[in-house]
N, C-alpha and C. Protein backbone atom coordinates (compact mmCIF):
# COMPACT_ATOMS: atom_id res chain seq x y z
N MET A 1 79.37 163.99 126.55
CA MET A 1 78.07 163.55 126.63
C MET A 1 77.57 162.95 125.94
N THR A 2 77.06 161.08 126.14
CA THR A 2 76.84 160.61 125.05
C THR A 2 75.00 160.42 125.16
N ASN A 3 74.52 160.00 123.95
CA ASN A 3 73.31 159.89 123.90
C ASN A 3 73.08 157.88 124.17
N PRO A 4 71.98 156.78 124.36
CA PRO A 4 71.62 155.41 124.71
C PRO A 4 72.33 155.24 123.35
N SER A 5 72.33 154.08 123.21
CA SER A 5 72.65 153.70 121.87
C SER A 5 71.32 152.87 120.79
N SER A 6 71.69 153.80 119.91
CA SER A 6 70.18 152.93 118.71
C SER A 6 70.91 152.10 117.57
N SER A 7 69.56 150.98 117.37
CA SER A 7 70.21 150.40 116.27
C SER A 7 69.14 150.30 115.53
N PRO A 8 69.31 150.01 113.78
CA PRO A 8 68.50 149.93 112.91
C PRO A 8 67.41 149.11 112.88
N GLY A 9 66.05 149.09 112.81
CA GLY A 9 65.71 147.88 112.37
C GLY A 9 64.64 147.24 113.32
N ARG A 10 64.48 148.39 114.47
CA ARG A 10 63.62 148.24 115.76
C ARG A 10 62.17 148.73 115.08
N ARG A 11 61.21 148.21 116.01
CA ARG A 11 59.84 148.68 116.00
C ARG A 11 59.46 149.23 117.20
N ALA A 12 58.60 150.74 117.15
CA ALA A 12 57.98 151.29 117.89
C ALA A 12 56.77 151.21 117.88
N LEU A 13 55.84 151.45 118.98
CA LEU A 13 54.39 151.23 118.69
C LEU A 13 53.87 152.36 119.59
N VAL A 14 53.10 153.35 119.29
CA VAL A 14 52.88 154.69 120.13
C VAL A 14 51.50 154.35 120.15
N VAL A 15 50.96 154.29 121.63
CA VAL A 15 49.69 153.91 121.88
C VAL A 15 48.79 155.12 122.53
N ARG A 16 48.32 155.90 121.73
CA ARG A 16 47.12 157.17 122.46
C ARG A 16 45.59 157.39 122.28
N GLY A 17 45.37 158.52 123.50
CA GLY A 17 44.22 158.63 123.57
C GLY A 17 43.67 158.87 124.69
N GLY A 18 42.69 158.30 125.17
CA GLY A 18 41.98 158.94 126.81
C GLY A 18 41.55 160.55 126.77
N TRP A 19 41.89 161.05 127.74
CA TRP A 19 41.53 162.36 127.88
C TRP A 19 42.32 163.32 127.17
N GLU A 20 41.43 164.53 126.48
CA GLU A 20 42.10 164.93 124.98
C GLU A 20 43.24 166.16 125.99
N GLY A 21 42.66 166.24 127.22
CA GLY A 21 43.60 167.74 127.38
C GLY A 21 44.95 167.64 127.77
N HIS A 22 45.18 166.22 127.15
CA HIS A 22 46.83 166.05 127.34
C HIS A 22 47.49 166.17 125.54
N SER A 23 46.67 166.18 124.97
CA SER A 23 47.27 166.46 123.65
C SER A 23 47.42 165.05 123.17
N PRO A 24 46.93 164.33 123.41
CA PRO A 24 47.71 162.63 122.88
C PRO A 24 48.18 162.50 121.40
N VAL A 25 47.61 162.62 120.68
CA VAL A 25 48.17 163.30 119.44
C VAL A 25 49.38 164.17 118.63
N GLU A 26 49.42 165.47 119.41
CA GLU A 26 50.25 166.30 119.39
C GLU A 26 51.13 166.12 119.82
N THR A 27 51.43 165.51 121.49
CA THR A 27 52.41 165.35 122.05
C THR A 27 53.23 163.95 121.20
N THR A 28 52.67 163.08 121.17
CA THR A 28 53.08 162.00 120.05
C THR A 28 54.26 162.21 118.62
N GLU A 29 53.33 162.97 117.87
CA GLU A 29 53.52 163.30 117.00
C GLU A 29 54.92 164.50 116.91
N ARG A 30 55.22 164.50 117.83
CA ARG A 30 56.41 165.26 117.85
C ARG A 30 57.96 164.33 118.52
N PHE A 31 57.41 163.51 118.73
CA PHE A 31 58.46 162.29 118.77
C PHE A 31 58.24 160.83 117.52
N VAL A 32 57.89 160.96 116.72
CA VAL A 32 57.44 160.28 115.65
C VAL A 32 58.71 160.39 114.78
N PRO A 33 58.82 161.56 114.16
CA PRO A 33 60.16 161.88 113.46
C PRO A 33 61.63 161.75 114.43
N PHE A 34 61.74 162.00 115.47
CA PHE A 34 62.56 161.48 115.89
C PHE A 34 63.01 160.02 116.36
N LEU A 35 62.21 158.85 116.53
CA LEU A 35 62.13 157.55 116.27
C LEU A 35 62.57 157.13 115.16
N LYS A 36 61.70 157.65 113.73
CA LYS A 36 62.07 156.93 112.62
C LYS A 36 63.52 157.85 112.48
N GLU A 37 64.02 158.59 112.98
CA GLU A 37 65.36 158.73 112.39
C GLU A 37 66.63 157.93 113.38
N HIS A 38 66.09 157.13 114.06
CA HIS A 38 66.66 156.24 114.72
C HIS A 38 66.56 154.50 114.33
N GLY A 39 66.26 154.99 113.45
CA GLY A 39 65.89 153.26 113.01
C GLY A 39 64.71 152.52 113.02
N PHE A 40 63.57 153.38 113.93
CA PHE A 40 62.68 152.21 114.09
C PHE A 40 61.39 152.86 112.69
N THR A 41 60.76 151.85 113.03
CA THR A 41 59.61 151.51 112.24
C THR A 41 58.25 151.91 113.35
N VAL A 42 57.61 153.26 113.12
CA VAL A 42 56.78 153.63 113.61
C VAL A 42 55.22 153.42 113.31
N ASP A 43 54.37 152.80 114.24
CA ASP A 43 53.08 152.12 114.10
C ASP A 43 52.26 152.95 114.85
N THR A 44 51.19 153.46 114.98
CA THR A 44 50.38 153.99 116.25
C THR A 44 49.24 153.74 116.09
N SER A 45 48.39 153.29 117.32
CA SER A 45 47.15 152.90 117.70
C SER A 45 46.37 153.96 118.31
N GLU A 46 44.69 154.00 118.43
CA GLU A 46 44.22 154.42 119.15
C GLU A 46 43.30 154.15 119.90
N SER A 47 43.33 152.65 120.20
CA SER A 47 42.67 151.65 120.39
C SER A 47 43.80 150.70 121.45
N LEU A 48 42.79 150.68 122.45
CA LEU A 48 43.75 149.81 123.64
C LEU A 48 44.08 148.49 123.55
N ASP A 49 42.89 148.22 122.57
CA ASP A 49 42.70 146.76 122.04
C ASP A 49 43.88 145.74 121.34
N VAL A 50 44.73 146.93 121.25
CA VAL A 50 46.42 146.68 120.40
C VAL A 50 47.35 145.68 121.60
N TYR A 51 46.93 146.17 122.88
CA TYR A 51 47.82 145.65 123.72
C TYR A 51 46.85 144.01 124.18
N GLY A 52 46.06 143.62 123.79
CA GLY A 52 45.72 142.18 123.78
C GLY A 52 46.43 141.52 122.44
N ASP A 53 47.20 142.07 121.39
CA ASP A 53 47.98 141.29 120.72
C ASP A 53 49.43 140.66 121.22
N ALA A 54 49.50 139.46 121.89
CA ALA A 54 50.69 139.04 122.25
C ALA A 54 51.94 139.09 121.60
N ASP A 55 51.36 138.20 119.98
CA ASP A 55 52.42 138.62 119.29
C ASP A 55 53.29 139.77 118.49
N ARG A 56 52.29 140.52 118.19
CA ARG A 56 52.72 141.79 117.87
C ARG A 56 53.79 142.69 119.37
N LEU A 57 52.96 142.38 120.49
CA LEU A 57 53.87 143.23 121.18
C LEU A 57 54.98 142.52 121.28
N ALA A 58 55.37 141.35 121.49
CA ALA A 58 56.99 140.73 121.26
C ALA A 58 57.35 141.22 120.36
N ALA A 59 56.60 141.57 119.11
CA ALA A 59 57.81 141.56 118.01
C ALA A 59 58.07 143.17 118.05
N THR A 60 57.72 143.64 119.51
CA THR A 60 57.66 146.04 119.31
C THR A 60 58.70 145.86 120.56
N ASP A 61 60.13 146.70 119.94
CA ASP A 61 60.98 146.59 120.44
C ASP A 61 60.75 148.16 121.78
N LEU A 62 59.80 148.71 121.05
CA LEU A 62 59.37 150.39 122.37
C LEU A 62 57.68 150.41 122.00
N VAL A 63 56.82 150.15 123.42
CA VAL A 63 55.38 151.18 123.20
C VAL A 63 55.82 152.38 123.78
N VAL A 64 55.57 153.38 123.47
CA VAL A 64 55.01 154.80 123.76
C VAL A 64 53.15 155.03 124.23
N GLN A 65 53.65 154.94 125.49
CA GLN A 65 52.19 155.35 125.60
C GLN A 65 51.50 156.79 126.09
N CYS A 66 50.39 157.19 125.63
CA CYS A 66 50.15 158.69 125.67
C CYS A 66 48.45 158.21 126.17
N TRP A 67 47.87 157.95 127.06
CA TRP A 67 46.76 157.69 127.31
C TRP A 67 46.35 157.91 128.65
N THR A 68 45.51 158.66 128.99
CA THR A 68 45.27 159.86 130.14
C THR A 68 43.59 159.18 131.03
N MET A 69 44.17 158.59 131.86
CA MET A 69 42.54 157.97 132.85
C MET A 69 42.26 156.65 131.89
N ASP A 70 40.63 156.89 131.34
CA ASP A 70 39.90 155.55 131.28
C ASP A 70 40.36 154.87 131.93
N THR A 71 39.68 153.75 131.52
CA THR A 71 40.02 151.96 132.16
C THR A 71 40.73 150.79 130.86
N ILE A 72 41.06 150.20 131.59
CA ILE A 72 41.66 148.86 130.37
C ILE A 72 41.30 147.55 131.26
N ALA A 73 40.91 146.88 130.68
CA ALA A 73 40.26 145.45 130.72
C ALA A 73 41.55 144.91 131.19
N PRO A 74 41.11 144.26 132.52
CA PRO A 74 42.61 143.26 133.41
C PRO A 74 42.93 142.46 131.97
N GLU A 75 42.67 141.60 131.24
CA GLU A 75 43.21 141.14 130.39
C GLU A 75 44.34 141.97 129.38
N LEU A 76 44.03 142.98 128.92
CA LEU A 76 45.08 143.86 127.99
C LEU A 76 45.95 144.44 129.33
N SER A 77 46.01 144.53 130.47
CA SER A 77 46.89 144.68 131.06
C SER A 77 47.75 143.90 131.26
N ARG A 78 47.47 142.83 132.00
CA ARG A 78 48.34 141.67 131.49
C ARG A 78 48.98 141.21 130.62
N THR A 79 48.63 141.12 129.19
CA THR A 79 49.36 141.30 128.36
C THR A 79 50.54 142.25 128.15
N LEU A 80 50.05 143.75 128.26
CA LEU A 80 51.39 144.45 128.52
C LEU A 80 51.89 144.22 129.31
N ALA A 81 51.73 143.90 130.12
CA ALA A 81 52.94 143.46 131.50
C ALA A 81 53.91 142.31 131.25
N ALA A 82 53.32 141.22 130.96
CA ALA A 82 54.19 140.33 130.28
C ALA A 82 54.86 140.38 129.06
N ALA A 83 54.66 141.32 127.99
CA ALA A 83 55.36 142.01 127.01
C ALA A 83 56.26 142.44 127.62
N VAL A 84 56.30 143.50 128.12
CA VAL A 84 57.32 143.88 129.25
C VAL A 84 58.18 143.33 129.89
N ARG A 85 57.92 142.31 130.71
CA ARG A 85 58.40 141.44 131.14
C ARG A 85 59.38 140.58 130.22
N ALA A 86 58.96 140.38 129.07
CA ALA A 86 60.13 139.29 128.46
C ALA A 86 61.26 140.50 127.59
N GLY A 87 60.47 142.08 127.18
CA GLY A 87 61.83 142.36 126.91
C GLY A 87 61.46 143.63 125.85
N THR A 88 60.05 143.83 126.05
CA THR A 88 59.52 144.92 125.45
C THR A 88 59.53 146.47 125.83
N GLY A 89 60.19 147.43 125.38
CA GLY A 89 60.47 148.63 126.42
C GLY A 89 59.17 148.86 126.67
N PHE A 90 58.96 150.03 127.38
CA PHE A 90 57.44 151.17 127.84
C PHE A 90 58.18 152.30 128.58
N ALA A 91 57.61 153.33 127.67
CA ALA A 91 58.02 154.31 127.83
C ALA A 91 56.80 155.85 127.53
N GLY A 92 56.74 156.65 128.32
CA GLY A 92 55.91 157.65 128.12
C GLY A 92 56.36 159.12 129.09
N TRP A 93 54.94 159.86 129.20
CA TRP A 93 55.52 161.27 130.27
C TRP A 93 53.81 161.44 130.88
N HIS A 94 54.05 162.37 131.80
CA HIS A 94 53.49 162.90 132.48
C HIS A 94 51.42 162.02 132.46
N GLY A 95 50.54 162.78 132.31
CA GLY A 95 49.39 161.32 132.50
C GLY A 95 49.07 160.80 131.75
N GLY A 96 50.17 160.53 130.68
CA GLY A 96 49.71 159.32 129.37
C GLY A 96 50.31 158.53 130.09
N ILE A 97 51.54 158.40 131.68
CA ILE A 97 51.40 157.16 131.65
C ILE A 97 51.61 156.55 132.85
N ILE A 98 51.20 157.88 134.01
CA ILE A 98 51.20 157.37 135.67
C ILE A 98 49.93 157.85 135.90
N ASP A 99 48.79 158.75 134.86
CA ASP A 99 47.71 158.95 135.29
C ASP A 99 46.12 157.70 134.01
N SER A 100 47.23 156.98 133.73
CA SER A 100 45.95 156.58 133.11
C SER A 100 45.26 155.02 133.06
N PHE A 101 45.72 154.28 134.47
CA PHE A 101 44.30 153.25 134.42
C PHE A 101 44.45 153.12 136.20
N ARG A 102 43.78 154.15 136.66
CA ARG A 102 43.33 154.51 138.04
C ARG A 102 43.64 153.32 139.24
N GLY A 103 42.52 152.21 138.18
CA GLY A 103 42.49 151.57 139.21
C GLY A 103 43.03 150.14 139.10
N ASP A 104 43.84 150.15 138.01
CA ASP A 104 44.55 148.97 137.94
C ASP A 104 45.84 149.13 138.46
N LEU A 105 45.66 147.69 139.58
CA LEU A 105 46.92 148.00 140.57
C LEU A 105 48.41 147.32 139.94
N ASP A 106 48.23 145.84 138.70
CA ASP A 106 49.16 145.87 138.33
C ASP A 106 49.52 146.70 137.19
N TYR A 107 48.80 147.25 136.52
CA TYR A 107 49.58 148.30 136.06
C TYR A 107 50.19 149.43 136.39
N HIS A 108 50.68 149.78 137.86
CA HIS A 108 50.85 150.83 138.47
C HIS A 108 52.03 150.19 139.30
N LEU A 109 52.55 148.80 139.11
CA LEU A 109 53.37 147.86 139.08
C LEU A 109 54.46 148.01 138.18
N LEU A 110 53.91 148.41 137.36
CA LEU A 110 54.82 148.05 135.70
C LEU A 110 55.10 149.10 135.81
N THR A 111 54.47 150.70 135.88
CA THR A 111 55.42 151.77 135.81
C THR A 111 56.34 152.35 137.34
N GLY A 112 55.84 151.76 138.05
CA GLY A 112 56.43 152.23 139.17
C GLY A 112 56.44 153.26 140.08
N GLY A 113 54.94 153.90 139.33
CA GLY A 113 54.53 155.42 140.07
C GLY A 113 52.83 155.48 139.23
N GLN A 114 52.32 156.33 140.46
CA GLN A 114 51.17 157.20 140.14
C GLN A 114 50.77 158.10 140.38
N PHE A 115 50.06 159.16 139.66
CA PHE A 115 50.01 160.35 139.60
C PHE A 115 48.20 160.32 140.91
N LEU A 116 48.92 161.44 141.49
CA LEU A 116 47.47 161.66 142.90
C LEU A 116 47.22 163.08 142.90
N MET A 117 47.86 164.31 142.83
CA MET A 117 47.22 165.36 142.61
C MET A 117 48.18 166.58 141.66
N HIS A 118 47.63 167.41 142.09
CA HIS A 118 48.69 168.56 141.13
C HIS A 118 48.46 170.39 141.96
N PRO A 119 48.85 171.10 142.12
CA PRO A 119 48.43 172.05 142.48
C PRO A 119 47.13 172.80 141.46
N ALA A 120 46.99 173.07 141.83
CA ALA A 120 46.01 174.05 140.93
C ALA A 120 46.87 174.77 139.66
N ASP A 121 46.52 174.52 138.12
CA ASP A 121 46.63 175.74 137.86
C ASP A 121 48.72 175.56 137.69
N PHE A 122 49.48 176.11 136.76
CA PHE A 122 50.31 175.83 136.40
C PHE A 122 51.89 176.60 137.30
N VAL A 123 52.65 176.45 137.71
CA VAL A 123 53.51 176.66 138.39
C VAL A 123 54.89 176.79 138.05
N ASN A 124 55.56 177.82 138.45
CA ASN A 124 57.43 177.96 138.24
C ASN A 124 57.77 176.56 139.23
N TYR A 125 58.69 175.73 138.82
CA TYR A 125 59.66 174.80 139.84
C TYR A 125 60.71 174.52 138.74
N THR A 126 61.40 173.89 139.87
CA THR A 126 62.92 173.69 139.42
C THR A 126 62.97 171.96 139.20
N VAL A 127 63.22 171.73 138.08
CA VAL A 127 63.42 170.40 138.20
C VAL A 127 65.27 169.73 138.53
N ARG A 128 65.38 169.48 139.33
CA ARG A 128 66.63 168.73 139.94
C ARG A 128 67.63 167.47 139.58
N LEU A 129 68.51 167.36 139.14
CA LEU A 129 68.84 166.41 138.80
C LEU A 129 69.73 165.20 140.07
N VAL A 130 69.47 164.12 140.00
CA VAL A 130 69.93 163.38 141.10
C VAL A 130 71.44 163.29 140.52
N PRO A 131 72.37 164.43 141.88
CA PRO A 131 73.80 164.14 141.46
C PRO A 131 74.78 162.35 141.44
N GLU A 132 74.20 161.76 142.06
CA GLU A 132 74.58 160.48 142.32
C GLU A 132 74.12 159.66 140.87
N ARG A 133 73.08 159.66 139.75
CA ARG A 133 72.82 159.47 138.91
C ARG A 133 73.47 160.40 137.64
N ALA A 134 74.07 161.37 137.76
CA ALA A 134 74.58 162.13 136.98
C ALA A 134 74.89 161.34 135.52
N SER A 135 75.54 160.13 135.33
CA SER A 135 76.44 159.34 135.03
C SER A 135 75.17 158.65 133.80
N HIS A 136 74.30 158.71 134.60
CA HIS A 136 72.79 157.86 133.52
C HIS A 136 72.59 158.61 132.29
N PRO A 137 72.25 157.67 131.22
CA PRO A 137 72.41 157.97 130.00
C PRO A 137 71.56 158.87 129.87
N VAL A 138 70.43 158.77 130.45
CA VAL A 138 69.20 159.60 130.17
C VAL A 138 69.21 161.21 130.67
N ILE A 139 70.11 161.71 131.63
CA ILE A 139 70.65 162.28 131.86
C ILE A 139 72.15 163.36 131.91
N GLU A 140 73.02 162.06 131.38
CA GLU A 140 74.03 162.63 131.61
C GLU A 140 74.38 163.95 130.85
N GLY A 141 75.21 164.95 131.32
CA GLY A 141 75.78 166.46 130.63
C GLY A 141 74.38 167.33 131.12
N LEU A 142 73.36 167.15 131.66
CA LEU A 142 72.41 167.97 131.55
C LEU A 142 71.91 168.21 133.05
N ALA A 143 72.06 169.86 133.11
CA ALA A 143 71.72 170.42 134.21
C ALA A 143 70.65 170.82 135.23
N ASP A 144 70.35 171.27 135.88
CA ASP A 144 68.81 171.15 136.91
C ASP A 144 68.32 172.42 135.81
N PHE A 145 67.12 172.28 136.14
CA PHE A 145 66.35 173.47 134.66
C PHE A 145 65.00 173.66 135.25
N ALA A 146 64.35 174.95 134.85
CA ALA A 146 63.05 175.84 135.21
C ALA A 146 61.83 175.17 134.37
N VAL A 147 60.95 174.79 134.36
CA VAL A 147 59.71 174.82 134.05
C VAL A 147 58.84 175.44 134.63
N HIS A 148 57.67 175.95 133.73
CA HIS A 148 56.03 176.04 133.90
C HIS A 148 55.26 175.08 133.62
N THR A 149 54.67 174.40 134.18
CA THR A 149 53.63 173.78 133.95
C THR A 149 53.47 173.12 135.31
N GLU A 150 51.80 171.86 135.03
CA GLU A 150 51.75 171.33 136.18
C GLU A 150 53.50 170.61 136.77
N GLN A 151 52.49 170.49 138.23
CA GLN A 151 53.84 169.92 139.25
C GLN A 151 53.04 168.45 139.72
N TYR A 152 53.27 166.98 139.60
CA TYR A 152 53.16 166.50 139.96
C TYR A 152 53.24 165.51 141.27
N TRP A 153 52.37 165.38 141.86
CA TRP A 153 52.34 165.01 143.29
C TRP A 153 52.29 163.40 142.52
N VAL A 154 53.31 162.38 143.15
CA VAL A 154 52.93 160.98 142.82
C VAL A 154 53.40 160.12 143.97
N ALA A 155 52.32 159.00 143.69
CA ALA A 155 53.29 158.02 144.45
C ALA A 155 53.99 156.84 143.90
N THR A 156 55.57 156.76 144.51
CA THR A 156 56.11 155.48 143.75
C THR A 156 56.41 154.08 144.52
N ASP A 157 56.59 153.47 143.29
CA ASP A 157 57.32 152.17 144.05
C ASP A 157 58.93 152.50 144.40
N PRO A 158 59.37 151.94 145.85
CA PRO A 158 60.86 152.08 146.07
C PRO A 158 61.75 151.51 145.47
N ASP A 159 61.40 150.67 144.29
CA ASP A 159 62.09 150.04 143.00
C ASP A 159 62.32 150.42 142.52
N ILE A 160 62.39 151.91 142.10
CA ILE A 160 62.67 152.77 140.48
C ILE A 160 64.19 153.31 140.85
N ASP A 161 64.71 153.81 139.73
CA ASP A 161 65.66 154.72 139.45
C ASP A 161 65.33 156.42 139.35
N VAL A 162 65.63 157.05 140.66
CA VAL A 162 65.10 158.56 140.38
C VAL A 162 66.05 158.86 140.00
N LEU A 163 66.22 159.82 138.59
CA LEU A 163 66.76 160.50 137.89
C LEU A 163 66.13 161.81 138.29
N ALA A 164 65.39 162.26 138.44
CA ALA A 164 65.47 163.77 139.15
C ALA A 164 64.29 164.01 139.79
N THR A 165 64.39 165.21 140.46
CA THR A 165 63.18 165.29 141.33
C THR A 165 62.69 166.52 141.07
N THR A 166 61.38 166.95 142.56
CA THR A 166 60.58 168.46 142.15
C THR A 166 61.03 168.76 143.56
N THR A 167 60.72 169.67 144.26
CA THR A 167 60.20 169.99 145.58
C THR A 167 59.06 171.23 145.62
N PHE A 168 58.20 170.54 145.95
CA PHE A 168 56.60 170.84 147.07
C PHE A 168 57.27 171.92 148.22
N PRO A 169 56.58 173.00 148.23
CA PRO A 169 57.22 173.93 149.48
C PRO A 169 56.32 173.69 150.75
N ALA A 170 56.87 174.15 151.45
CA ALA A 170 55.62 174.17 152.82
C ALA A 170 54.56 174.76 152.46
N GLY A 171 53.24 174.82 152.82
CA GLY A 171 51.82 174.87 153.03
C GLY A 171 51.10 174.92 154.09
N GLU A 172 49.78 175.22 152.99
CA GLU A 172 48.81 175.12 154.34
C GLU A 172 49.18 173.66 154.56
N GLU A 173 49.10 172.61 153.55
CA GLU A 173 48.94 171.14 153.52
C GLU A 173 49.81 170.32 154.54
N ARG A 174 50.97 171.44 154.73
CA ARG A 174 52.15 170.43 155.12
C ARG A 174 53.39 171.76 155.69
N ALA A 175 53.80 171.52 156.58
CA ALA A 175 54.96 172.47 157.60
C ALA A 175 56.49 172.50 157.16
N HIS A 176 56.57 171.37 155.86
CA HIS A 176 57.96 171.32 155.73
C HIS A 176 57.99 171.12 154.05
N PRO A 177 58.66 171.32 153.46
CA PRO A 177 58.87 170.90 151.87
C PRO A 177 58.65 169.84 151.85
N VAL A 178 58.79 169.00 150.38
CA VAL A 178 58.62 167.92 150.29
C VAL A 178 59.36 167.34 148.82
N VAL A 179 60.27 166.80 148.57
CA VAL A 179 61.30 166.26 148.10
C VAL A 179 60.44 165.14 146.84
N MET A 180 60.08 165.36 145.68
CA MET A 180 59.29 164.34 144.79
C MET A 180 59.64 163.90 143.57
N PRO A 181 60.08 162.40 143.45
CA PRO A 181 60.23 162.20 141.93
C PRO A 181 59.70 162.59 140.98
N THR A 182 60.26 163.25 139.89
CA THR A 182 59.75 163.52 138.94
C THR A 182 60.39 162.81 137.15
N VAL A 183 61.57 162.15 137.05
CA VAL A 183 61.91 161.48 136.38
C VAL A 183 62.68 160.56 136.71
N TRP A 184 61.95 158.98 136.14
CA TRP A 184 62.88 157.86 136.91
C TRP A 184 62.62 156.65 135.77
N THR A 185 63.54 155.84 135.64
CA THR A 185 63.41 154.36 135.25
C THR A 185 63.36 153.40 135.55
N ARG A 186 62.71 152.13 135.45
CA ARG A 186 62.80 150.79 136.29
C ARG A 186 63.11 149.58 135.27
N THR A 187 63.55 148.60 135.51
CA THR A 187 63.69 147.37 135.16
C THR A 187 62.36 146.57 135.91
N TYR A 188 61.52 145.82 133.97
CA TYR A 188 60.92 145.27 134.65
C TYR A 188 60.72 143.99 134.08
N GLY A 189 61.60 142.81 134.58
CA GLY A 189 61.89 141.37 134.47
C GLY A 189 63.04 141.73 133.05
N ALA A 190 62.71 141.31 131.81
CA ALA A 190 63.92 141.76 130.57
C ALA A 190 63.71 142.90 129.89
N GLY A 191 62.63 143.39 130.85
CA GLY A 191 62.24 144.95 130.08
C GLY A 191 62.89 146.23 130.94
N LYS A 192 62.54 147.17 130.32
CA LYS A 192 62.85 148.45 130.85
C LYS A 192 61.81 149.39 130.48
N VAL A 193 61.43 150.41 131.77
CA VAL A 193 60.05 151.63 131.73
C VAL A 193 61.08 152.86 131.71
N PHE A 194 60.66 154.05 131.05
CA PHE A 194 61.16 155.18 131.65
C PHE A 194 59.60 155.74 131.58
N VAL A 195 60.02 156.87 132.51
CA VAL A 195 58.57 157.45 132.78
C VAL A 195 59.53 159.08 133.10
N SER A 196 58.17 159.92 132.63
CA SER A 196 58.34 161.42 133.23
C SER A 196 57.74 161.67 133.64
N ALA A 197 57.48 162.48 134.72
CA ALA A 197 56.25 163.40 135.11
C ALA A 197 55.67 164.64 134.22
N ILE A 198 57.06 165.13 133.79
CA ILE A 198 56.62 166.52 132.78
C ILE A 198 56.21 166.52 131.16
N GLY A 199 55.29 167.69 131.15
CA GLY A 199 54.89 167.20 129.69
C GLY A 199 53.18 167.24 129.90
N HIS A 200 52.34 168.14 130.44
CA HIS A 200 51.01 168.51 130.20
C HIS A 200 50.72 168.58 128.58
N LYS A 201 51.31 169.79 128.61
CA LYS A 201 51.28 170.48 127.01
C LYS A 201 52.28 170.22 126.42
N PRO A 202 51.75 170.21 124.56
CA PRO A 202 52.93 170.48 123.75
C PRO A 202 53.98 171.15 124.34
N ASP A 203 54.18 172.55 124.32
CA ASP A 203 55.33 173.23 124.67
C ASP A 203 56.10 173.28 125.62
N ASP A 204 56.04 172.23 126.60
CA ASP A 204 56.62 171.99 127.58
C ASP A 204 57.73 171.11 126.86
N PHE A 205 57.68 170.40 125.97
CA PHE A 205 58.71 169.97 125.32
C PHE A 205 59.60 170.76 124.64
N ASP A 206 59.19 172.31 124.06
CA ASP A 206 59.76 173.27 123.76
C ASP A 206 61.33 173.38 124.73
N VAL A 207 61.32 173.21 126.21
CA VAL A 207 62.09 173.22 127.10
C VAL A 207 63.46 172.63 126.71
N PRO A 208 64.47 172.49 126.10
CA PRO A 208 65.74 171.72 125.71
C PRO A 208 65.95 170.80 126.37
N GLU A 209 66.38 170.65 127.75
CA GLU A 209 66.46 169.40 128.70
C GLU A 209 64.76 168.04 128.84
N VAL A 210 63.86 169.36 128.67
CA VAL A 210 62.62 168.32 128.77
C VAL A 210 62.87 167.37 127.55
N ARG A 211 63.07 167.81 126.42
CA ARG A 211 62.90 167.33 124.79
C ARG A 211 63.85 166.42 124.60
N THR A 212 65.20 166.67 125.36
CA THR A 212 66.35 165.82 125.71
C THR A 212 66.67 164.46 126.21
N LEU A 213 65.67 164.33 127.24
CA LEU A 213 65.32 163.61 128.57
C LEU A 213 64.91 162.41 128.21
N THR A 214 62.95 163.43 127.26
CA THR A 214 62.36 162.29 126.91
C THR A 214 63.27 161.59 126.10
N GLU A 215 63.32 161.99 125.05
CA GLU A 215 64.07 161.30 123.44
C GLU A 215 65.12 160.29 124.13
N ARG A 216 66.05 160.71 125.58
CA ARG A 216 66.88 159.69 125.59
C ARG A 216 66.41 158.68 126.49
N GLY A 217 65.45 159.46 127.00
CA GLY A 217 64.29 157.96 127.91
C GLY A 217 63.40 157.15 127.06
N LEU A 218 63.20 157.63 125.58
CA LEU A 218 62.47 156.38 124.76
C LEU A 218 63.37 155.30 124.33
N LEU A 219 65.29 155.99 123.71
CA LEU A 219 65.62 155.07 123.31
C LEU A 219 66.39 154.18 124.61
N TRP A 220 66.30 154.51 125.94
CA TRP A 220 66.80 153.55 126.43
C TRP A 220 66.23 152.58 126.93
N ALA A 221 64.70 152.79 126.72
CA ALA A 221 63.95 151.90 127.45
C ALA A 221 63.36 151.04 126.58
N SER A 222 63.90 151.21 125.22
CA SER A 222 63.42 150.10 124.08
C SER A 222 64.47 149.04 123.86
N ARG A 223 64.41 147.83 123.64
CA ARG A 223 65.11 146.68 123.73
C ARG A 223 66.30 146.95 122.63
């Protein structure tokens, strides 16, 4: 098993806020020590205004975002996207990255997907790794695993690299099961983007596979 490479001297920026139901501070704080252990200097911002500082974003190797719902000024969204196109990594999980700014189409082109709905309450489901992508450094050596949390129905861009899926069973809305992307990566210009739909609550990351693929995804996305 291999991990994405890390190198000292990199900078990470954690941007967190929005709806408090996703515990943006508590969940992101779980990963700050990990990033520091891998040589990152970590700054945090609880304001979206940081996305307006093009020079700061250009000097940042990885943006970790946990910001649910809310709106973003178009100029902030454009500056963020430009930084990623130039090489700044962008990563996050669950509603903190794919239910962030519902009305901003450019932002969703950056992430490669958008949350649409989830069944009421938490459900048990299996996260299945895509066999053809088994050698990808984010999931290498892992196996399918079970979680008990929200299951996201998402709309995704066809130009993403799907690493893991989940299946919605047949029911009142549909007569057949539907396989849904739940972990993916993508390139965006010179930058890389990592998205996991798992992570509604802090203890979701107590599942070893969820923690591992999230940590690896942060490293993979970084410049």
